[in-house]
Amino acid sequence: MQDTVFVAKNVKAAPVKKPPRLMSLDLARGLIMTVMAWDHCRDIVSTEWLNSNESWGGIMPSFDNDAAMFLQRFITHFCAPGFFWSMGVGMALFSCSRLERAGWNGSQVFYHYLVRGLILLAIDRVVNPAFFLGPLVGYEARGGTASDHFWLTVFLGDFQVCTALGLTMILCGSLLPLIHTWSKIPLNSLTEHRGDWWNAGRGQLLALLIASAGFIIANFFIVGSQGPYGAVGAVGPFPNQAAHATGFAEVVQRVLLFPGPTDWGAWILYPLLPWSSITFLGIAMGFEFKSNPEVAQTNTAPLAFLGLICFIIVRAVGGAWGNYRGWPRGDGVHFHPTQVVYVSPWIEWFNICKYPPDLAYALLTVSVNLLILRGFFWIQQLKGSKWVDLWLEPLLTFGRAPLFFYVVHFWVFCMISVTMNAFGLKGLTGGYSILVWLAVVVGMLFVTRPFAKFKAQQPIGSLWHLF
């Protein structure tokens, strides 16, 4: 039977040879998927819940001053920024391939990303019910019941990472043709050599300016709204995190800037403005990966260390600027209704705001992702060794079919949760959760491997490559 190939409308499939993949980028994605699976295992099948989240408003989690509990959450902070940054790199590489080698025009590039962005929005609606069916073990453990949600919420649900990635893909795709055109114009018109970071084109500068503007604008509005509308535990009017967005204008503000609930039951977790800024950073770096991959990957180490230095400076002396929560904002003391919880200084220092990402969060997480990429660039030089290949193959498999892994693993955890509920088991603790996570990751390898091979065989314009 002939395989079905889905090709974006009005985009002619050109006989273009597929460009070589960046192995280090695939390995980094694979590691992200593996760690992310642990986070979702805790969300869905574990009873070890945080009593709050790392958000711009409300009570920051204390982790009961337990270093192990804190680190379990902390290591997962690097996953979402890795998604957004690597997507930017991939978009830059793909646009260069299509515009320079396949003869596409700017409209075709935008249409390509419009279609894929809309598919990501639809995929998030498929993933959302995994959080509500069962009913969710973890949700019940926190005192909720299935009757708290209606079916519209099940499918609209939380605007999770795929929704933000889809909207970001559409936004960035609309500007990529311009960025690509400007990337051909060196910042220093007297210099012909453009093989290093210092001679980037104007397109990279434009992407960096957009990324910077996103964080500056978000910082201005978020910090300005924390005081009058209650940053820590207070309940106030919109845009307070506990207040429901009721009109179109308020919903737009939720989608762009302020995480929180809406009146129809959806909860916006990943606002577009700050998260798309990380993707624009990836786009800026992606053009350098295209022009000289080895130099670009080598330069990720000094860039990462520079970012970590900036993180320390912002965290230490930035105050409210760049720090929505944590140590600079006095979040070391949590006033609960029945007790006062004091947080260890080092936990308070690294307890950064993710919803939405502040500058400190972005600097730390993107820098660590760059270091991971540099580490994999070094490790891939050892490929050919039996033991190295044994450990790299699973990460390569997950990294080459990340969206497929993302969708399927959610439903695997959901079915585990449903089964546990059927036998009256209200979640797992400690080592049992780790065993479930490991079992699911191993099982996903056998499911993802054949799909990754199938995907690699499809034409370059096939929608299967989105997965």
Protein backbone atom coordinates (compact mmCIF):
# COMPACT_ATOMS: atom_id res chain seq x y z
CA MET A 1 0.00 0.00 0.00
CA GLN A 2 1.38 3.38 -0.94
CA ASP A 3 2.27 5.66 1.97
CA THR A 4 0.26 8.84 2.27
CA VAL A 5 2.27 12.06 2.24
CA PHE A 6 0.76 15.32 3.44
CA VAL A 7 2.26 18.39 1.80
CA ALA A 8 1.38 21.98 2.68
CA LYS A 9 -1.03 23.51 0.17
CA ASN A 10 0.41 25.77 -2.55
CA VAL A 11 3.94 24.70 -1.62
CA LYS A 12 5.46 22.60 -4.37
CA ALA A 13 7.72 19.83 -3.20
CA ALA A 14 11.12 20.52 -4.72
CA PRO A 15 13.68 17.82 -5.33
CA VAL A 16 16.00 19.21 -2.69
CA LYS A 17 18.42 16.96 -0.89
CA LYS A 18 17.77 16.96 2.84
CA PRO A 19 20.43 18.95 4.67
CA PRO A 20 22.47 17.02 7.25
CA ARG A 21 21.04 17.09 10.75
CA LEU A 22 22.95 18.60 13.66
CA MET A 23 23.52 15.55 15.84
CA SER A 24 24.26 17.59 18.95
CA LEU A 25 20.92 19.39 18.59
CA ASP A 26 19.07 16.07 18.25
CA LEU A 27 20.89 14.72 21.31
CA ALA A 28 19.99 17.81 23.33
CA ARG A 29 16.33 17.47 22.30
CA GLY A 30 16.40 13.80 23.29
CA LEU A 31 17.72 14.65 26.75
CA ILE A 32 15.05 17.33 27.11
CA MET A 33 12.32 14.82 26.26
CA THR A 34 13.66 12.32 28.79
CA VAL A 35 13.80 14.85 31.63
CA MET A 36 10.42 16.30 30.63
CA ALA A 37 8.89 12.83 30.91
CA TRP A 38 9.99 12.77 34.55
CA ASP A 39 8.22 16.07 35.20
CA HIS A 40 5.00 14.78 33.67
CA CYS A 41 5.30 11.50 35.56
CA ARG A 42 5.25 13.53 38.78
CA ASP A 43 2.33 15.58 37.48
CA ILE A 44 0.13 12.65 36.53
CA VAL A 45 0.99 9.56 38.57
CA SER A 46 2.77 10.90 41.65
CA THR A 47 1.30 12.24 44.89
CA GLU A 48 4.36 14.39 45.60
CA TRP A 49 2.80 17.65 44.51
CA LEU A 50 4.00 21.22 44.96
CA ASN A 51 1.46 23.35 46.80
CA SER A 52 1.98 26.18 44.30
CA ASN A 53 4.06 26.97 41.24
CA GLU A 54 6.86 29.30 40.21
CA SER A 55 4.56 32.06 39.01
CA TRP A 56 4.55 35.84 38.95
CA GLY A 57 1.78 35.87 41.54
CA GLY A 58 0.70 33.71 44.44
CA ILE A 59 2.77 31.74 46.92
CA MET A 60 6.09 30.38 45.69
CA PRO A 61 6.67 26.70 46.51
CA SER A 62 8.80 26.05 49.60
CA PHE A 63 9.56 22.42 48.68
CA ASP A 64 9.36 21.79 52.44
CA ASN A 65 13.02 22.86 52.48
CA ASP A 66 13.80 19.47 50.98
CA ALA A 67 16.78 19.64 48.62
CA ALA A 68 15.82 16.45 46.78
CA MET A 69 12.26 17.68 46.17
CA PHE A 70 13.55 21.03 44.94
CA LEU A 71 16.11 19.49 42.59
CA GLN A 72 13.48 17.15 41.11
CA ARG A 73 11.62 20.23 39.97
CA PHE A 74 14.66 22.41 39.23
CA ILE A 75 16.15 20.10 36.60
CA THR A 76 12.92 20.23 34.61
CA HIS A 77 13.12 24.04 34.26
CA PHE A 78 15.52 23.62 31.37
CA CYS A 79 13.09 21.69 29.17
CA ALA A 80 10.65 24.36 27.95
CA PRO A 81 13.37 26.92 27.10
CA GLY A 82 15.16 24.14 25.22
CA PHE A 83 11.99 23.55 23.19
CA PHE A 84 11.61 27.20 22.23
CA TRP A 85 15.30 27.89 21.59
CA SER A 86 15.88 24.76 19.48
CA MET A 87 12.69 25.46 17.51
CA GLY A 88 14.16 28.85 16.60
CA VAL A 89 17.39 27.23 15.43
CA GLY A 90 15.43 24.71 13.36
CA MET A 91 13.24 27.41 11.80
CA ALA A 92 16.29 29.40 10.76
CA LEU A 93 17.96 26.35 9.20
CA PHE A 94 14.79 25.32 7.36
CA SER A 95 14.09 28.81 6.00
CA CYS A 96 17.66 29.03 4.68
CA SER A 97 17.25 25.66 2.97
CA ARG A 98 13.93 26.53 1.31
CA LEU A 99 14.67 30.14 0.37
CA GLU A 100 18.20 29.54 -0.89
CA ARG A 101 18.05 26.05 -2.37
CA ALA A 102 14.43 25.23 -3.17
CA GLY A 103 13.37 28.56 -4.67
CA TRP A 104 10.61 29.32 -2.16
CA ASN A 105 9.44 32.87 -1.61
CA GLY A 106 8.59 34.55 1.69
CA SER A 107 4.86 33.78 1.42
CA GLN A 108 5.54 30.08 1.06
CA VAL A 109 7.77 30.08 4.13
CA PHE A 110 5.08 31.86 6.17
CA TYR A 111 2.38 29.48 4.91
CA HIS A 112 4.56 26.52 5.86
CA TYR A 113 4.82 27.73 9.45
CA LEU A 114 1.21 28.90 9.61
CA VAL A 115 0.00 25.37 8.82
CA ARG A 116 2.38 23.79 11.31
CA GLY A 117 1.55 26.33 13.99
CA LEU A 118 -2.15 25.60 13.67
CA ILE A 119 -1.42 21.86 13.88
CA LEU A 120 0.46 22.45 17.13
CA LEU A 121 -2.58 24.30 18.51
CA ALA A 122 -4.74 21.29 17.62
CA ILE A 123 -2.23 18.85 19.14
CA ASP A 124 -2.39 20.65 22.48
CA ARG A 125 -6.14 20.04 22.48
CA VAL A 126 -5.39 16.33 22.05
CA VAL A 127 -2.89 16.36 24.92
CA ASN A 128 -5.06 18.32 27.37
CA PRO A 129 -7.57 15.55 28.16
CA ALA A 130 -4.70 13.44 29.51
CA PHE A 131 -4.66 15.86 32.45
CA PHE A 132 -8.36 15.49 33.16
CA LEU A 133 -9.31 11.90 32.47
CA GLY A 134 -9.17 9.33 35.18
CA PRO A 135 -10.07 11.55 37.05
CA LEU A 136 -6.51 12.79 37.40
CA VAL A 137 -4.79 11.18 40.37
CA GLY A 138 -2.71 14.21 41.20
CA TYR A 139 -5.66 16.58 40.86
CA GLU A 140 -7.71 14.57 43.33
CA ALA A 141 -4.71 14.39 45.65
CA ARG A 142 -4.77 18.19 45.74
CA GLY A 143 -8.43 18.21 46.75
CA GLY A 144 -10.15 18.59 43.40
CA THR A 145 -12.95 16.50 41.92
CA ALA A 146 -13.93 15.61 38.39
CA SER A 147 -17.03 17.81 38.69
CA ASP A 148 -14.84 20.91 38.96
CA HIS A 149 -14.26 20.80 35.20
CA PHE A 150 -16.59 20.81 32.25
CA TRP A 151 -15.84 19.26 28.90
CA LEU A 152 -15.00 22.57 27.24
CA THR A 153 -12.19 22.94 29.73
CA VAL A 154 -11.02 19.41 28.99
CA PHE A 155 -10.27 20.30 25.38
CA LEU A 156 -9.39 23.98 25.72
CA GLY A 157 -7.85 23.34 29.11
CA ASP A 158 -4.45 24.71 29.98
CA PHE A 159 -2.73 26.62 27.22
CA GLN A 160 0.32 24.42 27.55
CA VAL A 161 3.65 24.44 25.77
CA CYS A 162 2.33 23.23 22.38
CA THR A 163 -0.11 26.14 22.20
CA ALA A 164 2.67 28.60 22.91
CA LEU A 165 4.97 26.84 20.44
CA GLY A 166 2.25 26.99 17.76
CA LEU A 167 1.57 30.69 18.26
CA THR A 168 5.31 31.38 18.42
CA MET A 169 5.86 29.44 15.18
CA ILE A 170 3.24 31.54 13.41
CA LEU A 171 4.67 34.81 14.77
CA CYS A 172 8.28 33.96 13.98
CA GLY A 173 7.35 32.47 10.61
CA SER A 174 5.79 35.77 9.59
CA LEU A 175 9.07 37.59 10.23
CA LEU A 176 11.55 34.93 9.09
CA PRO A 177 11.62 35.99 5.40
CA LEU A 178 12.61 39.52 6.45
CA ILE A 179 15.16 38.25 8.96
CA HIS A 180 16.62 35.93 6.33
CA THR A 181 16.93 38.75 3.78
CA TRP A 182 18.63 41.03 6.28
CA SER A 183 20.95 38.24 7.41
CA LYS A 184 22.67 38.60 4.02
CA ILE A 185 23.70 42.15 4.88
CA PRO A 186 26.78 42.17 7.15
CA LEU A 187 26.77 44.53 10.09
CA ASN A 188 30.23 45.56 8.98
CA SER A 189 29.93 46.12 5.24
CA LEU A 190 33.73 46.35 4.94
CA THR A 191 34.18 42.78 6.19
CA GLU A 192 33.58 39.90 3.84
CA HIS A 193 34.35 37.14 6.36
CA ARG A 194 31.20 36.19 8.23
CA GLY A 195 32.20 32.86 9.79
CA ASP A 196 32.11 33.99 13.41
CA TRP A 197 29.67 35.61 15.83
CA TRP A 198 31.10 39.10 15.54
CA ASN A 199 30.31 39.49 11.85
CA ALA A 200 26.68 38.46 11.95
CA GLY A 201 24.19 39.97 9.53
CA ARG A 202 21.53 42.54 10.23
CA GLY A 203 18.90 39.81 10.32
CA GLN A 204 20.51 38.25 13.39
CA LEU A 205 20.64 41.69 14.99
CA LEU A 206 16.94 42.20 14.21
CA ALA A 207 16.08 38.84 15.84
CA LEU A 208 18.14 39.74 18.92
CA LEU A 209 16.44 43.14 19.17
CA ILE A 210 13.00 41.51 18.98
CA ALA A 211 14.01 39.01 21.68
CA SER A 212 15.30 41.81 23.93
CA ALA A 213 12.20 43.93 23.34
CA GLY A 214 9.98 41.01 24.36
CA PHE A 215 11.64 40.68 27.75
CA ILE A 216 11.80 44.43 28.32
CA ILE A 217 8.09 44.91 27.57
CA ALA A 218 7.09 41.87 29.64
CA ASN A 219 9.26 43.02 32.54
CA PHE A 220 7.70 46.50 32.44
CA PHE A 221 4.12 45.24 32.63
CA ILE A 222 4.65 42.26 34.95
CA VAL A 223 6.64 44.15 37.60
CA GLY A 224 4.32 47.13 37.28
CA SER A 225 1.31 44.89 37.95
CA GLN A 226 2.75 42.90 40.85
CA GLY A 227 2.47 45.66 43.44
CA PRO A 228 -1.02 47.08 42.93
CA TYR A 229 -2.56 43.73 41.98
CA GLY A 230 -0.93 41.48 44.56
CA ALA A 231 2.18 39.46 43.84
CA VAL A 232 2.25 37.23 46.90
CA GLY A 233 -0.94 35.47 47.80
CA ALA A 234 -3.25 38.47 47.56
CA VAL A 235 -6.48 38.22 45.61
CA GLY A 236 -7.24 41.27 43.53
CA PRO A 237 -8.68 42.45 40.23
CA PHE A 238 -7.30 41.52 36.83
CA PRO A 239 -4.48 40.98 35.94
CA ASN A 240 -3.99 39.33 39.33
CA GLN A 241 -3.16 35.67 38.80
CA ALA A 242 -6.26 34.53 40.69
CA ALA A 243 -8.63 36.82 38.75
CA HIS A 244 -10.46 35.47 35.70
CA ALA A 245 -10.00 37.28 32.39
CA THR A 246 -13.57 38.12 31.37
CA GLY A 247 -13.40 40.13 28.16
CA PHE A 248 -11.54 39.97 24.88
CA ALA A 249 -8.98 42.58 25.92
CA GLU A 250 -8.22 40.77 29.17
CA VAL A 251 -7.91 37.40 27.42
CA VAL A 252 -5.45 38.94 24.94
CA GLN A 253 -3.39 40.24 27.87
CA ARG A 254 -3.39 36.74 29.37
CA VAL A 255 -2.22 35.24 26.08
CA LEU A 256 0.51 37.85 25.62
CA LEU A 257 1.75 38.60 29.14
CA PHE A 258 -0.04 37.52 32.31
CA PRO A 259 -0.44 33.80 33.10
CA GLY A 260 -3.72 33.02 34.79
CA PRO A 261 -7.31 31.80 34.31
CA THR A 262 -9.96 32.89 31.86
CA ASP A 263 -13.70 33.03 32.33
CA TRP A 264 -14.36 30.03 30.05
CA GLY A 265 -12.20 27.70 32.15
CA ALA A 266 -8.90 27.78 30.29
CA TRP A 267 -5.68 28.56 32.14
CA ILE A 268 -2.97 30.40 30.21
CA LEU A 269 0.43 29.09 31.33
CA TYR A 270 2.81 30.14 28.55
CA PRO A 271 2.23 33.76 27.44
CA LEU A 272 3.47 34.51 23.96
CA LEU A 273 5.67 37.58 24.42
CA PRO A 274 8.43 36.29 26.72
CA TRP A 275 8.48 32.72 25.37
CA SER A 276 8.67 33.80 21.72
CA SER A 277 11.66 35.96 22.70
CA ILE A 278 13.60 32.76 23.44
CA THR A 279 12.70 31.46 19.98
CA PHE A 280 13.92 34.67 18.34
CA LEU A 281 17.20 34.15 20.17
CA GLY A 282 17.34 30.66 18.66
CA ILE A 283 16.64 32.11 15.21
CA ALA A 284 19.52 34.56 15.55
CA MET A 285 21.87 31.73 16.50
CA GLY A 286 20.40 29.39 13.88
CA PHE A 287 21.80 31.45 11.00
CA GLU A 288 25.27 31.00 12.46
CA PHE A 289 24.67 27.26 12.77
CA LYS A 290 23.89 27.29 9.06
CA SER A 291 26.94 29.27 7.95
CA ASN A 292 29.49 27.39 10.06
CA PRO A 293 28.04 24.63 12.27
CA GLU A 294 31.31 23.62 13.95
CA VAL A 295 32.31 27.17 14.86
CA ALA A 296 28.77 27.94 16.04
CA GLN A 297 28.62 24.88 18.27
CA THR A 298 32.07 25.61 19.68
CA ASN A 299 31.05 29.17 20.50
CA THR A 300 28.07 28.02 22.55
CA ALA A 301 30.38 27.45 25.55
CA PRO A 302 31.65 31.05 25.92
CA LEU A 303 28.13 32.36 25.24
CA ALA A 304 26.78 30.06 27.95
CA PHE A 305 29.33 31.22 30.52
CA LEU A 306 28.57 34.84 29.63
CA GLY A 307 24.87 34.12 30.17
CA LEU A 308 25.54 32.50 33.55
CA ILE A 309 27.58 35.54 34.65
CA CYS A 310 24.69 37.79 33.61
CA PHE A 311 22.30 35.55 35.56
CA ILE A 312 24.36 35.98 38.73
CA ILE A 313 24.48 39.76 38.23
CA VAL A 314 20.74 40.05 37.56
CA ARG A 315 19.95 37.79 40.52
CA ALA A 316 22.30 39.58 42.89
CA VAL A 317 21.72 43.25 42.11
CA GLY A 318 18.80 43.32 39.66
CA GLY A 319 16.07 43.58 42.29
CA ALA A 320 12.63 43.57 40.71
CA TRP A 321 14.16 44.18 37.28
CA GLY A 322 14.63 40.77 35.72
CA ASN A 323 13.50 38.95 38.88
CA TYR A 324 9.77 38.44 39.19
CA ARG A 325 10.21 36.19 42.24
CA GLY A 326 12.75 34.49 44.50
CA TRP A 327 15.65 35.74 46.57
CA PRO A 328 15.71 39.36 45.26
CA ARG A 329 11.98 39.69 45.99
CA GLY A 330 12.06 38.35 49.55
CA ASP A 331 10.33 35.05 48.79
CA GLY A 332 12.26 33.19 51.48
CA VAL A 333 9.43 33.49 54.00
CA HIS A 334 6.04 32.01 53.12
CA PHE A 335 3.07 32.96 55.27
CA HIS A 336 0.68 30.03 55.07
CA PRO A 337 -2.66 30.11 56.91
CA THR A 338 -1.37 27.87 59.73
CA GLN A 339 2.39 28.35 59.73
CA VAL A 340 5.35 30.36 58.53
CA VAL A 341 7.72 28.45 56.25
CA TYR A 342 11.31 29.62 55.95
CA VAL A 343 13.11 28.60 52.78
CA SER A 344 16.81 27.80 52.63
CA PRO A 345 18.75 30.70 51.05
CA TRP A 346 20.15 28.56 48.23
CA ILE A 347 16.68 27.27 47.33
CA GLU A 348 15.36 30.81 47.45
CA TRP A 349 18.20 31.92 45.16
CA PHE A 350 17.52 29.30 42.48
CA ASN A 351 13.72 29.30 42.88
CA ILE A 352 13.15 31.32 39.74
CA CYS A 353 9.94 32.46 38.08
CA LYS A 354 8.86 30.32 35.12
CA TYR A 355 5.29 31.60 34.59
CA PRO A 356 6.11 33.81 32.78
CA PRO A 357 9.88 33.47 32.36
CA ASP A 358 11.73 36.44 33.76
CA LEU A 359 15.19 37.49 32.58
CA ALA A 360 16.93 35.52 35.33
CA TYR A 361 15.09 32.34 34.35
CA ALA A 362 15.89 32.81 30.66
CA LEU A 363 19.57 33.53 31.27
CA LEU A 364 20.04 30.49 33.48
CA THR A 365 18.05 27.96 31.47
CA VAL A 366 19.20 28.98 27.98
CA SER A 367 22.82 29.09 29.16
CA VAL A 368 22.58 25.57 30.57
CA ASN A 369 21.00 24.39 27.30
CA LEU A 370 23.93 25.88 25.40
CA LEU A 371 26.37 24.05 27.67
CA ILE A 372 24.48 20.80 27.10
CA LEU A 373 24.67 21.37 23.34
CA ARG A 374 28.41 22.02 23.59
CA GLY A 375 28.85 18.87 25.66
CA PHE A 376 27.02 16.76 23.09
CA PHE A 377 29.10 18.34 20.31
CA TRP A 378 32.18 17.01 22.09
CA ILE A 379 30.61 13.61 22.82
CA GLN A 380 29.51 13.09 19.22
CA GLN A 381 33.18 13.12 18.23
CA LEU A 382 33.43 9.83 20.10
CA LYS A 383 30.63 8.25 18.08
CA GLY A 384 31.74 4.87 16.79
CA SER A 385 32.61 3.60 20.22
CA LYS A 386 30.29 0.73 21.15
CA TRP A 387 29.43 2.13 24.59
CA VAL A 388 29.04 5.70 23.39
CA ASP A 389 26.68 4.63 20.61
CA LEU A 390 24.70 2.54 23.08
CA TRP A 391 23.92 5.59 25.20
CA LEU A 392 23.50 8.07 22.35
CA GLU A 393 21.03 6.05 20.25
CA PRO A 394 18.02 6.47 22.61
CA LEU A 395 18.58 10.22 22.87
CA LEU A 396 18.97 10.52 19.09
CA THR A 397 15.74 8.57 18.61
CA PHE A 398 13.75 10.82 20.96
CA GLY A 399 15.40 13.97 19.59
CA ARG A 400 14.49 13.12 16.00
CA ALA A 401 10.81 12.55 16.78
CA PRO A 402 10.20 14.86 19.76
CA LEU A 403 6.58 15.81 19.11
CA PHE A 404 5.58 12.19 18.58
CA PHE A 405 7.21 11.34 21.92
CA TYR A 406 5.49 14.32 23.58
CA VAL A 407 1.96 13.35 22.53
CA VAL A 408 2.23 9.61 23.14
CA HIS A 409 3.97 9.74 26.52
CA PHE A 410 1.21 11.95 27.95
CA TRP A 411 -1.41 9.36 27.12
CA VAL A 412 0.74 6.53 28.45
CA PHE A 413 0.93 8.28 31.82
CA CYS A 414 -2.79 9.03 31.61
CA MET A 415 -3.63 5.36 31.12
CA ILE A 416 -1.39 4.44 34.06
CA SER A 417 -3.28 7.00 36.15
CA VAL A 418 -6.66 5.61 35.01
CA THR A 419 -5.57 2.08 35.87
CA MET A 420 -4.35 3.09 39.31
CA ASN A 421 -7.66 4.84 39.98
CA ALA A 422 -9.56 1.73 38.97
CA PHE A 423 -7.76 -0.17 41.73
CA GLY A 424 -8.15 2.62 44.27
CA LEU A 425 -4.50 3.69 44.17
CA LYS A 426 -4.25 7.46 44.51
CA GLY A 427 -0.76 7.96 43.18
CA LEU A 428 2.80 6.80 43.75
CA THR A 429 5.61 8.17 45.88
CA GLY A 430 9.38 8.20 45.87
CA GLY A 431 11.14 5.36 44.11
CA TYR A 432 7.93 3.93 42.67
CA SER A 433 7.45 7.08 40.57
CA ILE A 434 11.03 6.81 39.32
CA LEU A 435 10.47 3.18 38.32
CA VAL A 436 7.33 4.14 36.36
CA TRP A 437 9.23 6.95 34.64
CA LEU A 438 12.08 4.64 33.65
CA ALA A 439 9.67 1.99 32.40
CA VAL A 440 7.78 4.50 30.26
CA VAL A 441 10.99 5.97 28.80
CA VAL A 442 12.25 2.50 27.85
CA GLY A 443 8.87 1.61 26.38
CA MET A 444 8.77 4.88 24.42
CA LEU A 445 12.10 3.98 22.83
CA PHE A 446 10.57 0.92 21.16
CA VAL A 447 7.55 2.97 20.03
CA THR A 448 9.48 6.03 18.85
CA ARG A 449 12.26 4.22 16.99
CA PRO A 450 10.09 2.90 14.09
CA PHE A 451 8.30 6.24 13.79
CA ALA A 452 11.62 8.11 13.61
CA LYS A 453 12.72 5.81 10.78
CA PHE A 454 9.40 6.31 8.98
CA LYS A 455 9.69 10.08 9.40
CA ALA A 456 13.24 10.12 7.99
CA GLN A 457 11.98 8.45 4.80
CA GLN A 458 9.36 11.11 4.05
CA PRO A 459 9.85 13.96 1.55
CA ILE A 460 11.17 17.19 2.98
CA GLY A 461 7.79 18.96 2.63
CA SER A 462 5.82 16.27 4.45
CA LEU A 463 3.87 17.26 7.56
CA TRP A 464 5.18 14.10 9.19
CA HIS A 465 8.40 16.02 9.78
CA LEU A 466 6.55 18.23 12.26
CA PHE A 467 6.51 15.27 14.63
